[in-house]
Every structure is written in C-alpha cells, then in structure tokens.
Amino acid sequence: MTQDAEQIIRTHQENGCDAFGVGRQLIAHHPAVWKSVDWNEEYPNVRFHPQVTVDIVGNGILN
C-alpha cells in the first residue's frame, strides 16, 4: 500500500493536484514563504515520504 500511495502522490504532482492541501497549510502557517515561491513550479518537486500501516481489527461477520 505504501508503493500505491507513492504512485498516487506522484500522479497528483504531475497533474498539479494538491489533494492533501499542502499549499493551503503553507498559506496559513507560512505566508512569507508562500509569497516567495511559485507554487505551480515548486509543488512537483516537493518530496513526500508516505508510510502506510494497516491494523486488522476484524474479519467481517464470521470469526
């Protein structure tokens, strides 16, 4: 699942989609940085390191 997450993020970045709202967080918490960067140019270069962990808490209606 981690590899799937990495591929999804790469696809989003290639298409300019900030589905996780990283840009909005940058605007809200670091406005000076936001004003100094061209987000459309920088976003595809942002490095994400997703890590997916799964905890199985049940297996349905049959035990």
Protein backbone atom coordinates (compact mmCIF):
# COMPACT_ATOMS: atom_id res chain seq x y z
CA MET A 1 0.00 0.00 0.00
CA THR A 2 2.92 2.33 0.60
CA GLN A 3 4.01 1.89 -3.02
CA ASP A 4 0.45 2.64 -4.16
CA ALA A 5 0.46 5.81 -2.04
CA GLU A 6 3.76 6.89 -3.58
CA GLN A 7 2.37 6.37 -7.09
CA ILE A 8 -0.81 8.29 -6.28
CA ILE A 9 1.20 11.22 -4.92
CA ARG A 10 3.46 11.24 -8.00
CA THR A 11 0.41 11.24 -10.27
CA HIS A 12 -1.16 14.09 -8.32
CA GLN A 13 2.03 16.13 -8.51
CA GLU A 14 2.45 15.51 -12.24
CA ASN A 15 -1.09 16.80 -12.78
CA GLY A 16 -0.77 19.77 -10.41
CA CYS A 17 -3.34 18.37 -7.96
CA ASP A 18 -2.77 19.31 -4.31
CA ALA A 19 -5.45 16.96 -2.94
CA PHE A 20 -3.84 16.86 0.50
CA GLY A 21 -3.92 20.64 0.90
CA VAL A 22 -0.19 21.18 1.39
CA GLY A 23 -0.40 24.57 -0.29
CA ARG A 24 -3.25 25.68 1.96
CA GLN A 25 -1.21 24.72 5.03
CA LEU A 26 1.71 26.70 3.66
CA ILE A 27 -0.51 29.75 3.05
CA ALA A 28 -1.99 29.54 6.55
CA HIS A 29 1.14 28.87 8.58
CA HIS A 30 3.97 30.32 6.48
CA PRO A 31 2.60 33.24 4.43
CA ALA A 32 6.05 34.79 3.83
CA VAL A 33 7.31 31.53 2.32
CA TRP A 34 4.13 31.25 0.22
CA LYS A 35 4.72 34.70 -1.24
CA SER A 36 8.33 33.90 -2.08
CA VAL A 37 7.70 30.70 -4.08
CA ASP A 38 5.94 29.90 -7.33
CA TRP A 39 3.77 27.06 -6.07
CA ASN A 40 2.99 25.71 -9.53
CA GLU A 41 6.71 25.36 -10.19
CA GLU A 42 7.70 24.07 -6.76
CA TYR A 43 4.87 21.63 -5.97
CA PRO A 44 6.01 18.93 -8.43
CA ASN A 45 9.44 18.96 -6.72
CA VAL A 46 8.13 18.55 -3.15
CA ARG A 47 9.28 15.22 -1.72
CA PHE A 48 6.71 13.17 0.16
CA HIS A 49 7.52 10.04 2.14
CA PRO A 50 4.26 8.15 2.68
CA GLN A 51 4.22 5.19 5.03
CA VAL A 52 1.10 3.07 5.25
CA THR A 53 0.49 0.76 8.19
CA VAL A 54 -2.52 -1.49 8.49
CA ASP A 55 -4.04 -2.93 11.64
CA ILE A 56 -6.65 -5.62 11.03
CA VAL A 57 -9.23 -5.19 13.77
CA GLY A 58 -11.83 -7.63 12.49
CA ASN A 59 -12.58 -10.02 9.71
CA GLY A 60 -16.24 -9.49 9.00
CA ILE A 61 -19.29 -11.21 10.45
CA LEU A 62 -17.68 -14.66 10.66
CA ASN A 63 -14.96 -15.48 13.17
